Amino acid sequence: KLGRRVVIKAKTKSKAGKDHSGSSGKEGVLYVTVEGQEVEKARVA
């Protein structure tokens, strides 16, 4: 085990109050455990 975690989730890219047609995507976050604490190393949309 390397102590790393990747979370990929759905993300709506449009602003509040706007139409949501075709404006969804994914967002991924990479966390690394350092001395018992999770630290975010990368975030990609």
All heavy atoms as atom14 arrays in JSON, in Angstrom:
{
  "sequence": "KLGRRVVIKAKTKSKAGKDHSGSSGKEGVLYVTVEGQEVEKARVA",
  "atom14_mask": [
    [1, 1, 1, 1, 1, 1, 1, 1, 1, 0, 0, 0, 0, 0],
    [1, 1, 1, 1, 1, 1, 1, 1, 0, 0, 0, 0, 0, 0],
    [1, 1, 1, 1, 0, 0, 0, 0, 0, 0, 0, 0, 0, 0],
    [1, 1, 1, 1, 1, 1, 1, 1, 1, 1, 1, 0, 0, 0],
    [1, 1, 1, 1, 1, 1, 1, 1, 1, 1, 1, 0, 0, 0],
    [1, 1, 1, 1, 1, 1, 1, 0, 0, 0, 0, 0, 0, 0],
    [1, 1, 1, 1, 1, 1, 1, 0, 0, 0, 0, 0, 0, 0],
    [1, 1, 1, 1, 1, 1, 1, 1, 0, 0, 0, 0, 0, 0],
    [1, 1, 1, 1, 1, 1, 1, 1, 1, 0, 0, 0, 0, 0],
    [1, 1, 1, 1, 1, 0, 0, 0, 0, 0, 0, 0, 0, 0],
    [1, 1, 1, 1, 1, 1, 1, 1, 1, 0, 0, 0, 0, 0],
    [1, 1, 1, 1, 1, 1, 1, 0, 0, 0, 0, 0, 0, 0],
    [1, 1, 1, 1, 1, 1, 1, 1, 1, 0, 0, 0, 0, 0],
    [1, 1, 1, 1, 1, 1, 0, 0, 0, 0, 0, 0, 0, 0],
    [1, 1, 1, 1, 1, 1, 1, 1, 1, 0, 0, 0, 0, 0],
    [1, 1, 1, 1, 1, 0, 0, 0, 0, 0, 0, 0, 0, 0],
    [1, 1, 1, 1, 0, 0, 0, 0, 0, 0, 0, 0, 0, 0],
    [1, 1, 1, 1, 1, 1, 1, 1, 1, 0, 0, 0, 0, 0],
    [1, 1, 1, 1, 1, 1, 1, 1, 0, 0, 0, 0, 0, 0],
    [1, 1, 1, 1, 1, 1, 1, 1, 1, 1, 0, 0, 0, 0],
    [1, 1, 1, 1, 1, 1, 0, 0, 0, 0, 0, 0, 0, 0],
    [1, 1, 1, 1, 0, 0, 0, 0, 0, 0, 0, 0, 0, 0],
    [1, 1, 1, 1, 1, 1, 0, 0, 0, 0, 0, 0, 0, 0],
    [1, 1, 1, 1, 1, 1, 0, 0, 0, 0, 0, 0, 0, 0],
    [1, 1, 1, 1, 0, 0, 0, 0, 0, 0, 0, 0, 0, 0],
    [1, 1, 1, 1, 1, 1, 1, 1, 1, 0, 0, 0, 0, 0],
    [1, 1, 1, 1, 1, 1, 1, 1, 1, 0, 0, 0, 0, 0],
    [1, 1, 1, 1, 0, 0, 0, 0, 0, 0, 0, 0, 0, 0],
    [1, 1, 1, 1, 1, 1, 1, 0, 0, 0, 0, 0, 0, 0],
    [1, 1, 1, 1, 1, 1, 1, 1, 0, 0, 0, 0, 0, 0],
    [1, 1, 1, 1, 1, 1, 1, 1, 1, 1, 1, 1, 0, 0],
    [1, 1, 1, 1, 1, 1, 1, 0, 0, 0, 0, 0, 0, 0],
    [1, 1, 1, 1, 1, 1, 1, 0, 0, 0, 0, 0, 0, 0],
    [1, 1, 1, 1, 1, 1, 1, 0, 0, 0, 0, 0, 0, 0],
    [1, 1, 1, 1, 1, 1, 1, 1, 1, 0, 0, 0, 0, 0],
    [1, 1, 1, 1, 0, 0, 0, 0, 0, 0, 0, 0, 0, 0],
    [1, 1, 1, 1, 1, 1, 1, 1, 1, 0, 0, 0, 0, 0],
    [1, 1, 1, 1, 1, 1, 1, 1, 1, 0, 0, 0, 0, 0],
    [1, 1, 1, 1, 1, 1, 1, 0, 0, 0, 0, 0, 0, 0],
    [1, 1, 1, 1, 1, 1, 1, 1, 1, 0, 0, 0, 0, 0],
    [1, 1, 1, 1, 1, 1, 1, 1, 1, 0, 0, 0, 0, 0],
    [1, 1, 1, 1, 1, 0, 0, 0, 0, 0, 0, 0, 0, 0],
    [1, 1, 1, 1, 1, 1, 1, 1, 1, 1, 1, 0, 0, 0],
    [1, 1, 1, 1, 1, 1, 1, 0, 0, 0, 0, 0, 0, 0],
    [1, 1, 1, 1, 1, 0, 0, 0, 0, 0, 0, 0, 0, 0]
  ],
  "atom14_positions": [
    [[0.84, -1.19, 0.0], [0.0, 0.0, 0.0], [0.88, 1.25, 0.0], [1.84, 1.34, 0.75], [-0.91, 0.01, 1.24], [-1.93, -1.09, 1.25], [-3.03, -0.77, 0.28], [-4.11, -1.83, 0.38], [-5.18, -1.6, -0.56], [0.0, 0.0, 0.0], [0.0, 0.0, 0.0], [0.0, 0.0, 0.0], [0.0, 0.0, 0.0], [0.0, 0.0, 0.0]],
    [[0.54, 2.19, -0.85], [1.33, 3.42, -0.98], [0.73, 4.58, -0.19], [1.33, 5.64, -0.12], [1.45, 3.81, -2.45], [2.14, 2.79, -3.36], [2.07, 3.24, -4.81], [3.58, 2.6, -2.93], [0.0, 0.0, 0.0], [0.0, 0.0, 0.0], [0.0, 0.0, 0.0], [0.0, 0.0, 0.0], [0.0, 0.0, 0.0], [0.0, 0.0, 0.0]],
    [[-0.46, 4.38, 0.37], [-1.09, 5.46, 1.13], [-1.64, 6.55, 0.24], [-1.59, 7.74, 0.58], [0.0, 0.0, 0.0], [0.0, 0.0, 0.0], [0.0, 0.0, 0.0], [0.0, 0.0, 0.0], [0.0, 0.0, 0.0], [0.0, 0.0, 0.0], [0.0, 0.0, 0.0], [0.0, 0.0, 0.0], [0.0, 0.0, 0.0], [0.0, 0.0, 0.0]],
    [[-2.18, 6.17, -0.91], [-2.73, 7.15, -1.84], [-4.18, 6.82, -2.14], [-4.59, 5.67, -2.08], [-1.93, 7.19, -3.13], [-0.5, 7.62, -2.87], [0.33, 7.64, -4.11], [1.72, 7.9, -3.72], [2.75, 7.53, -4.44], [2.58, 6.91, -5.57], [3.96, 7.8, -4.02], [0.0, 0.0, 0.0], [0.0, 0.0, 0.0], [0.0, 0.0, 0.0]],
    [[-4.95, 7.84, -2.49], [-6.37, 7.67, -2.76], [-6.77, 8.59, -3.9], [-6.38, 9.75, -3.93], [-7.17, 8.0, -1.5], [-8.65, 7.84, -1.63], [-9.32, 7.95, -0.28], [-9.25, 9.29, 0.26], [-10.29, 10.11, 0.38], [-11.48, 9.72, 0.01], [-10.14, 11.31, 0.88], [0.0, 0.0, 0.0], [0.0, 0.0, 0.0], [0.0, 0.0, 0.0]],
    [[-7.52, 8.04, -4.85], [-8.03, 8.82, -5.98], [-9.55, 8.79, -5.92], [-10.15, 7.73, -5.79], [-7.56, 8.25, -7.33], [-8.21, 8.98, -8.49], [-6.05, 8.33, -7.45], [0.0, 0.0, 0.0], [0.0, 0.0, 0.0], [0.0, 0.0, 0.0], [0.0, 0.0, 0.0], [0.0, 0.0, 0.0], [0.0, 0.0, 0.0], [0.0, 0.0, 0.0]],
    [[-10.17, 9.95, -6.0], [-11.63, 10.06, -6.0], [-12.05, 10.73, -7.3], [-11.59, 11.83, -7.61], [-12.14, 10.89, -4.8], [-13.65, 11.01, -4.83], [-11.67, 10.29, -3.5], [0.0, 0.0, 0.0], [0.0, 0.0, 0.0], [0.0, 0.0, 0.0], [0.0, 0.0, 0.0], [0.0, 0.0, 0.0], [0.0, 0.0, 0.0], [0.0, 0.0, 0.0]],
    [[-12.92, 10.04, -8.07], [-13.45, 10.6, -9.31], [-14.96, 10.7, -9.14], [-15.62, 9.74, -8.78], [-13.09, 9.73, -10.53], [-11.58, 9.69, -10.7], [-13.78, 10.26, -11.79], [-11.1, 8.83, -11.84], [0.0, 0.0, 0.0], [0.0, 0.0, 0.0], [0.0, 0.0, 0.0], [0.0, 0.0, 0.0], [0.0, 0.0, 0.0], [0.0, 0.0, 0.0]],
    [[-15.49, 11.9, -9.39], [-16.93, 12.11, -9.22], [-17.46, 12.99, -10.35], [-16.7, 13.67, -11.04], [-17.23, 12.73, -7.87], [-16.55, 14.06, -7.64], [-16.8, 14.57, -6.24], [-16.04, 15.86, -6.03], [-16.25, 16.4, -4.7], [0.0, 0.0, 0.0], [0.0, 0.0, 0.0], [0.0, 0.0, 0.0], [0.0, 0.0, 0.0], [0.0, 0.0, 0.0]],
    [[-18.78, 12.97, -10.51], [-19.43, 13.79, -11.52], [-19.42, 15.24, -11.06], [-19.51, 15.54, -9.88], [-20.86, 13.32, -11.74], [0.0, 0.0, 0.0], [0.0, 0.0, 0.0], [0.0, 0.0, 0.0], [0.0, 0.0, 0.0], [0.0, 0.0, 0.0], [0.0, 0.0, 0.0], [0.0, 0.0, 0.0], [0.0, 0.0, 0.0], [0.0, 0.0, 0.0]],
    [[-19.28, 16.13, -12.03], [-19.24, 17.56, -11.72], [-20.04, 18.31, -12.77], [-19.89, 18.08, -13.96], [-17.8, 18.06, -11.72], [-17.67, 19.53, -11.45], [-16.21, 19.92, -11.33], [-16.05, 21.41, -11.21], [-16.4, 21.93, -9.94], [0.0, 0.0, 0.0], [0.0, 0.0, 0.0], [0.0, 0.0, 0.0], [0.0, 0.0, 0.0], [0.0, 0.0, 0.0]],
    [[-20.89, 19.2, -12.31], [-21.63, 20.09, -13.21], [-20.82, 21.36, -13.39], [-20.47, 22.01, -12.42], [-23.02, 20.42, -12.64], [-23.7, 19.19, -12.41], [-23.82, 21.24, -13.6], [0.0, 0.0, 0.0], [0.0, 0.0, 0.0], [0.0, 0.0, 0.0], [0.0, 0.0, 0.0], [0.0, 0.0, 0.0], [0.0, 0.0, 0.0], [0.0, 0.0, 0.0]],
    [[-20.5, 21.69, -14.63], [-19.61, 22.81, -14.9], [-20.34, 24.13, -15.14], [-19.71, 25.15, -15.27], [-18.73, 22.49, -16.11], [-17.79, 21.33, -15.87], [-16.87, 21.12, -17.02], [-17.61, 20.51, -18.18], [-16.77, 20.09, -19.28], [0.0, 0.0, 0.0], [0.0, 0.0, 0.0], [0.0, 0.0, 0.0], [0.0, 0.0, 0.0], [0.0, 0.0, 0.0]],
    [[-21.66, 24.09, -15.21], [-22.37, 25.34, -15.48], [-22.63, 26.1, -14.18], [-22.63, 25.54, -13.1], [-23.7, 25.05, -16.18], [-24.54, 24.31, -15.34], [0.0, 0.0, 0.0], [0.0, 0.0, 0.0], [0.0, 0.0, 0.0], [0.0, 0.0, 0.0], [0.0, 0.0, 0.0], [0.0, 0.0, 0.0], [0.0, 0.0, 0.0], [0.0, 0.0, 0.0]],
    [[-22.88, 27.38, -14.29], [-23.12, 28.23, -13.12], [-24.56, 28.1, -12.67], [-25.43, 27.69, -13.43], [-22.78, 29.67, -13.46], [-21.32, 29.87, -13.76], [-21.03, 31.3, -14.08], [-19.56, 31.45, -14.4], [-19.21, 32.81, -14.76], [0.0, 0.0, 0.0], [0.0, 0.0, 0.0], [0.0, 0.0, 0.0], [0.0, 0.0, 0.0], [0.0, 0.0, 0.0]],
    [[-24.83, 28.49, -11.46], [-26.18, 28.43, -10.91], [-27.12, 29.32, -11.72], [-26.76, 30.42, -12.13], [-26.17, 28.87, -9.46], [0.0, 0.0, 0.0], [0.0, 0.0, 0.0], [0.0, 0.0, 0.0], [0.0, 0.0, 0.0], [0.0, 0.0, 0.0], [0.0, 0.0, 0.0], [0.0, 0.0, 0.0], [0.0, 0.0, 0.0], [0.0, 0.0, 0.0]],
    [[-28.32, 28.81, -11.94], [-29.31, 29.58, -12.68], [-29.23, 29.43, -14.18], [-30.06, 29.93, -14.91], [0.0, 0.0, 0.0], [0.0, 0.0, 0.0], [0.0, 0.0, 0.0], [0.0, 0.0, 0.0], [0.0, 0.0, 0.0], [0.0, 0.0, 0.0], [0.0, 0.0, 0.0], [0.0, 0.0, 0.0], [0.0, 0.0, 0.0], [0.0, 0.0, 0.0]],
    [[-28.23, 28.74, -14.66], [-28.08, 28.53, -16.11], [-28.67, 27.17, -16.49], [-28.88, 26.31, -15.67], [-26.6, 28.56, -16.52], [-25.89, 29.84, -16.19], [-26.28, 30.91, -17.18], [-25.5, 32.18, -16.86], [-25.7, 33.2, -17.8], [0.0, 0.0, 0.0], [0.0, 0.0, 0.0], [0.0, 0.0, 0.0], [0.0, 0.0, 0.0], [0.0, 0.0, 0.0]],
    [[-28.86, 26.96, -17.78], [-29.36, 25.7, -18.29], [-28.24, 24.65, -18.19], [-27.08, 24.94, -18.48], [-29.79, 25.87, -19.74], [-30.46, 24.62, -20.29], [-30.86, 23.77, -19.48], [-30.59, 24.53, -21.52], [0.0, 0.0, 0.0], [0.0, 0.0, 0.0], [0.0, 0.0, 0.0], [0.0, 0.0, 0.0], [0.0, 0.0, 0.0], [0.0, 0.0, 0.0]],
    [[-28.57, 23.43, -17.79], [-27.58, 22.37, -17.59], [-27.38, 21.49, -18.81], [-26.77, 20.44, -18.7], [-27.99, 21.48, -16.4], [-27.92, 22.2, -15.09], [-26.75, 22.43, -14.43], [-28.89, 22.74, -14.31], [-26.99, 23.08, -13.32], [-28.29, 23.28, -13.22], [0.0, 0.0, 0.0], [0.0, 0.0, 0.0], [0.0, 0.0, 0.0], [0.0, 0.0, 0.0]],
    [[-27.88, 21.85, -19.96], [-27.82, 20.97, -21.12], [-26.39, 20.75, -21.59], [-25.71, 21.68, -22.0], [-28.65, 21.55, -22.26], [-28.16, 22.81, -22.62], [0.0, 0.0, 0.0], [0.0, 0.0, 0.0], [0.0, 0.0, 0.0], [0.0, 0.0, 0.0], [0.0, 0.0, 0.0], [0.0, 0.0, 0.0], [0.0, 0.0, 0.0], [0.0, 0.0, 0.0]],
    [[-25.92, 19.51, -21.52], [-24.61, 19.13, -22.04], [-23.43, 19.74, -21.33], [-22.37, 19.86, -21.9], [0.0, 0.0, 0.0], [0.0, 0.0, 0.0], [0.0, 0.0, 0.0], [0.0, 0.0, 0.0], [0.0, 0.0, 0.0], [0.0, 0.0, 0.0], [0.0, 0.0, 0.0], [0.0, 0.0, 0.0], [0.0, 0.0, 0.0], [0.0, 0.0, 0.0]],
    [[-23.59, 20.13, -20.08], [-22.49, 20.81, -19.41], [-21.99, 20.05, -18.19], [-21.66, 20.62, -17.19], [-22.93, 22.21, -19.0], [-24.04, 22.13, -18.14], [0.0, 0.0, 0.0], [0.0, 0.0, 0.0], [0.0, 0.0, 0.0], [0.0, 0.0, 0.0], [0.0, 0.0, 0.0], [0.0, 0.0, 0.0], [0.0, 0.0, 0.0], [0.0, 0.0, 0.0]],
    [[-21.98, 18.73, -18.27], [-21.48, 17.95, -17.15], [-20.12, 17.38, -17.48], [-19.71, 17.34, -18.64], [-22.46, 16.82, -16.8], [-22.55, 15.93, -17.88], [0.0, 0.0, 0.0], [0.0, 0.0, 0.0], [0.0, 0.0, 0.0], [0.0, 0.0, 0.0], [0.0, 0.0, 0.0], [0.0, 0.0, 0.0], [0.0, 0.0, 0.0], [0.0, 0.0, 0.0]],
    [[-19.4, 16.93, -16.47], [-18.08, 16.37, -16.67], [-17.67, 15.57, -15.46], [-18.5, 15.19, -14.64], [0.0, 0.0, 0.0], [0.0, 0.0, 0.0], [0.0, 0.0, 0.0], [0.0, 0.0, 0.0], [0.0, 0.0, 0.0], [0.0, 0.0, 0.0], [0.0, 0.0, 0.0], [0.0, 0.0, 0.0], [0.0, 0.0, 0.0], [0.0, 0.0, 0.0]],
    [[-16.38, 15.31, -15.33], [-15.84, 14.57, -14.2], [-14.76, 15.4, -13.54], [-14.11, 16.23, -14.16], [-15.2, 13.24, -14.66], [-16.15, 12.29, -15.31], [-16.97, 11.57, -14.29], [-17.81, 10.52, -15.01], [-18.69, 9.81, -14.16], [0.0, 0.0, 0.0], [0.0, 0.0, 0.0], [0.0, 0.0, 0.0], [0.0, 0.0, 0.0], [0.0, 0.0, 0.0]],
    [[-14.57, 15.13, -12.25], [-13.5, 15.77, -11.49], [-12.77, 14.69, -10.71], [-13.39, 13.83, -10.1], [-14.06, 16.81, -10.54], [-12.99, 17.52, -9.75], [-13.56, 18.57, -8.82], [-14.64, 18.32, -8.24], [-12.92, 19.61, -8.66], [0.0, 0.0, 0.0], [0.0, 0.0, 0.0], [0.0, 0.0, 0.0], [0.0, 0.0, 0.0], [0.0, 0.0, 0.0]],
    [[-11.46, 14.73, -10.75], [-10.64, 13.76, -10.03], [-9.71, 14.46, -9.06], [-9.16, 15.51, -9.37], [0.0, 0.0, 0.0], [0.0, 0.0, 0.0], [0.0, 0.0, 0.0], [0.0, 0.0, 0.0], [0.0, 0.0, 0.0], [0.0, 0.0, 0.0], [0.0, 0.0, 0.0], [0.0, 0.0, 0.0], [0.0, 0.0, 0.0], [0.0, 0.0, 0.0]],
    [[-9.55, 13.84, -7.87], [-8.67, 14.4, -6.85], [-7.75, 13.29, -6.37], [-8.21, 12.18, -6.09], [-9.48, 14.97, -5.65], [-8.55, 15.61, -4.65], [-10.52, 15.95, -6.12], [0.0, 0.0, 0.0], [0.0, 0.0, 0.0], [0.0, 0.0, 0.0], [0.0, 0.0, 0.0], [0.0, 0.0, 0.0], [0.0, 0.0, 0.0], [0.0, 0.0, 0.0]],
    [[-6.46, 13.58, -6.27], [-5.46, 12.63, -5.78], [-5.0, 13.09, -4.41], [-4.54, 14.22, -4.25], [-4.27, 12.57, -6.74], [-3.05, 11.77, -6.29], [-3.39, 10.3, -6.13], [-1.91, 11.94, -7.27], [0.0, 0.0, 0.0], [0.0, 0.0, 0.0], [0.0, 0.0, 0.0], [0.0, 0.0, 0.0], [0.0, 0.0, 0.0], [0.0, 0.0, 0.0]],
    [[-5.16, 12.2, -3.42], [-4.73, 12.47, -2.05], [-3.56, 11.56, -1.71], [-3.56, 10.39, -2.08], [-5.86, 12.21, -1.05], [-7.07, 13.07, -1.22], [-8.19, 12.6, -1.87], [-7.1, 14.37, -0.72], [-9.33, 13.38, -2.03], [-8.23, 15.17, -0.87], [-9.34, 14.65, -1.52], [-10.45, 15.44, -1.69], [0.0, 0.0, 0.0], [0.0, 0.0, 0.0]],
    [[-2.58, 12.08, -0.97], [-1.44, 11.31, -0.49], [-1.41, 11.43, 1.02], [-1.55, 12.53, 1.56], [-0.12, 11.82, -1.11], [1.07, 11.07, -0.55], [-0.16, 11.72, -2.62], [0.0, 0.0, 0.0], [0.0, 0.0, 0.0], [0.0, 0.0, 0.0], [0.0, 0.0, 0.0], [0.0, 0.0, 0.0], [0.0, 0.0, 0.0], [0.0, 0.0, 0.0]],
    [[-1.22, 10.29, 1.72], [-1.14, 10.3, 3.17], [0.29, 10.59, 3.6], [1.21, 9.87, 3.24], [-1.6, 8.95, 3.75], [-2.92, 8.68, 3.28], [-1.59, 8.97, 5.25], [0.0, 0.0, 0.0], [0.0, 0.0, 0.0], [0.0, 0.0, 0.0], [0.0, 0.0, 0.0], [0.0, 0.0, 0.0], [0.0, 0.0, 0.0], [0.0, 0.0, 0.0]],
    [[0.46, 11.67, 4.37], [1.77, 12.07, 4.87], [1.66, 12.21, 6.39], [0.91, 13.05, 6.87], [2.23, 13.41, 4.24], [3.57, 13.84, 4.81], [2.27, 13.31, 2.74], [0.0, 0.0, 0.0], [0.0, 0.0, 0.0], [0.0, 0.0, 0.0], [0.0, 0.0, 0.0], [0.0, 0.0, 0.0], [0.0, 0.0, 0.0], [0.0, 0.0, 0.0]],
    [[2.37, 11.37, 7.11], [2.38, 11.39, 8.58], [0.96, 11.33, 9.16], [0.62, 12.06, 10.08], [3.12, 12.63, 9.1], [4.57, 12.67, 8.68], [5.26, 13.95, 9.12], [4.61, 14.81, 9.75], [6.45, 14.09, 8.82], [0.0, 0.0, 0.0], [0.0, 0.0, 0.0], [0.0, 0.0, 0.0], [0.0, 0.0, 0.0], [0.0, 0.0, 0.0]],
    [[0.12, 10.48, 8.59], [-1.23, 10.29, 9.1], [-2.25, 11.29, 8.61], [-3.43, 11.17, 8.92], [0.0, 0.0, 0.0], [0.0, 0.0, 0.0], [0.0, 0.0, 0.0], [0.0, 0.0, 0.0], [0.0, 0.0, 0.0], [0.0, 0.0, 0.0], [0.0, 0.0, 0.0], [0.0, 0.0, 0.0], [0.0, 0.0, 0.0], [0.0, 0.0, 0.0]],
    [[-1.84, 12.29, 7.85], [-2.75, 13.32, 7.34], [-2.86, 13.18, 5.82], [-1.86, 12.98, 5.14], [-2.23, 14.72, 7.67], [-2.1, 14.99, 9.14], [-3.46, 15.12, 9.82], [-4.41, 15.6, 9.23], [-3.54, 14.66, 11.06], [0.0, 0.0, 0.0], [0.0, 0.0, 0.0], [0.0, 0.0, 0.0], [0.0, 0.0, 0.0], [0.0, 0.0, 0.0]],
    [[-4.09, 13.3, 5.29], [-4.27, 13.28, 3.85], [-4.04, 14.67, 3.27], [-4.61, 15.65, 3.72], [-5.68, 12.82, 3.48], [-5.81, 11.34, 3.41], [-7.08, 10.92, 2.7], [-7.97, 11.74, 2.5], [-7.15, 9.75, 2.37], [0.0, 0.0, 0.0], [0.0, 0.0, 0.0], [0.0, 0.0, 0.0], [0.0, 0.0, 0.0], [0.0, 0.0, 0.0]],
    [[-3.18, 14.73, 2.26], [-2.84, 15.98, 1.6], [-3.26, 15.88, 0.14], [-2.95, 14.9, -0.53], [-1.32, 16.26, 1.69], [-0.96, 17.55, 0.99], [-0.86, 16.27, 3.14], [0.0, 0.0, 0.0], [0.0, 0.0, 0.0], [0.0, 0.0, 0.0], [0.0, 0.0, 0.0], [0.0, 0.0, 0.0], [0.0, 0.0, 0.0], [0.0, 0.0, 0.0]],
    [[-3.95, 16.89, -0.36], [-4.35, 16.91, -1.76], [-3.15, 17.25, -2.63], [-2.52, 18.29, -2.44], [-5.46, 17.93, -1.98], [-5.96, 17.99, -3.39], [-7.04, 19.03, -3.57], [-7.96, 19.11, -2.73], [-6.95, 19.77, -4.57], [0.0, 0.0, 0.0], [0.0, 0.0, 0.0], [0.0, 0.0, 0.0], [0.0, 0.0, 0.0], [0.0, 0.0, 0.0]],
    [[-2.83, 16.38, -3.59], [-1.67, 16.6, -4.46], [-2.07, 17.07, -5.85], [-1.3, 17.76, -6.51], [-0.84, 15.31, -4.59], [-0.05, 15.0, -3.35], [1.03, 16.02, -3.14], [1.9, 15.67, -1.97], [2.95, 16.62, -1.75], [0.0, 0.0, 0.0], [0.0, 0.0, 0.0], [0.0, 0.0, 0.0], [0.0, 0.0, 0.0], [0.0, 0.0, 0.0]],
    [[-3.25, 16.66, -6.33], [-3.66, 17.06, -7.68], [-5.17, 17.09, -7.76], [-5.85, 16.27, -7.15], [-3.1, 16.09, -8.71], [0.0, 0.0, 0.0], [0.0, 0.0, 0.0], [0.0, 0.0, 0.0], [0.0, 0.0, 0.0], [0.0, 0.0, 0.0], [0.0, 0.0, 0.0], [0.0, 0.0, 0.0], [0.0, 0.0, 0.0], [0.0, 0.0, 0.0]],
    [[-5.68, 18.04, -8.54], [-7.12, 18.14, -8.81], [-7.27, 18.43, -10.29], [-6.67, 19.38, -10.81], [-7.75, 19.25, -7.98], [-9.25, 19.41, -8.2], [-9.82, 20.5, -7.32], [-9.77, 20.14, -5.92], [-10.78, 19.57, -5.26], [-11.9, 19.3, -5.89], [-10.66, 19.28, -3.98], [0.0, 0.0, 0.0], [0.0, 0.0, 0.0], [0.0, 0.0, 0.0]],
    [[-8.09, 17.61, -10.97], [-8.26, 17.74, -12.41], [-9.75, 17.68, -12.74], [-10.47, 16.84, -12.2], [-7.54, 16.58, -13.17], [-7.79, 16.68, -14.65], [-6.06, 16.59, -12.87], [0.0, 0.0, 0.0], [0.0, 0.0, 0.0], [0.0, 0.0, 0.0], [0.0, 0.0, 0.0], [0.0, 0.0, 0.0], [0.0, 0.0, 0.0], [0.0, 0.0, 0.0]],
    [[-10.21, 18.56, -13.61], [-11.58, 18.52, -14.12], [-11.51, 18.35, -15.62], [-10.63, 18.9, -16.29], [-12.32, 19.79, -13.76], [0.0, 0.0, 0.0], [0.0, 0.0, 0.0], [0.0, 0.0, 0.0], [0.0, 0.0, 0.0], [0.0, 0.0, 0.0], [0.0, 0.0, 0.0], [0.0, 0.0, 0.0], [0.0, 0.0, 0.0], [0.0, 0.0, 0.0]]
  ]
}
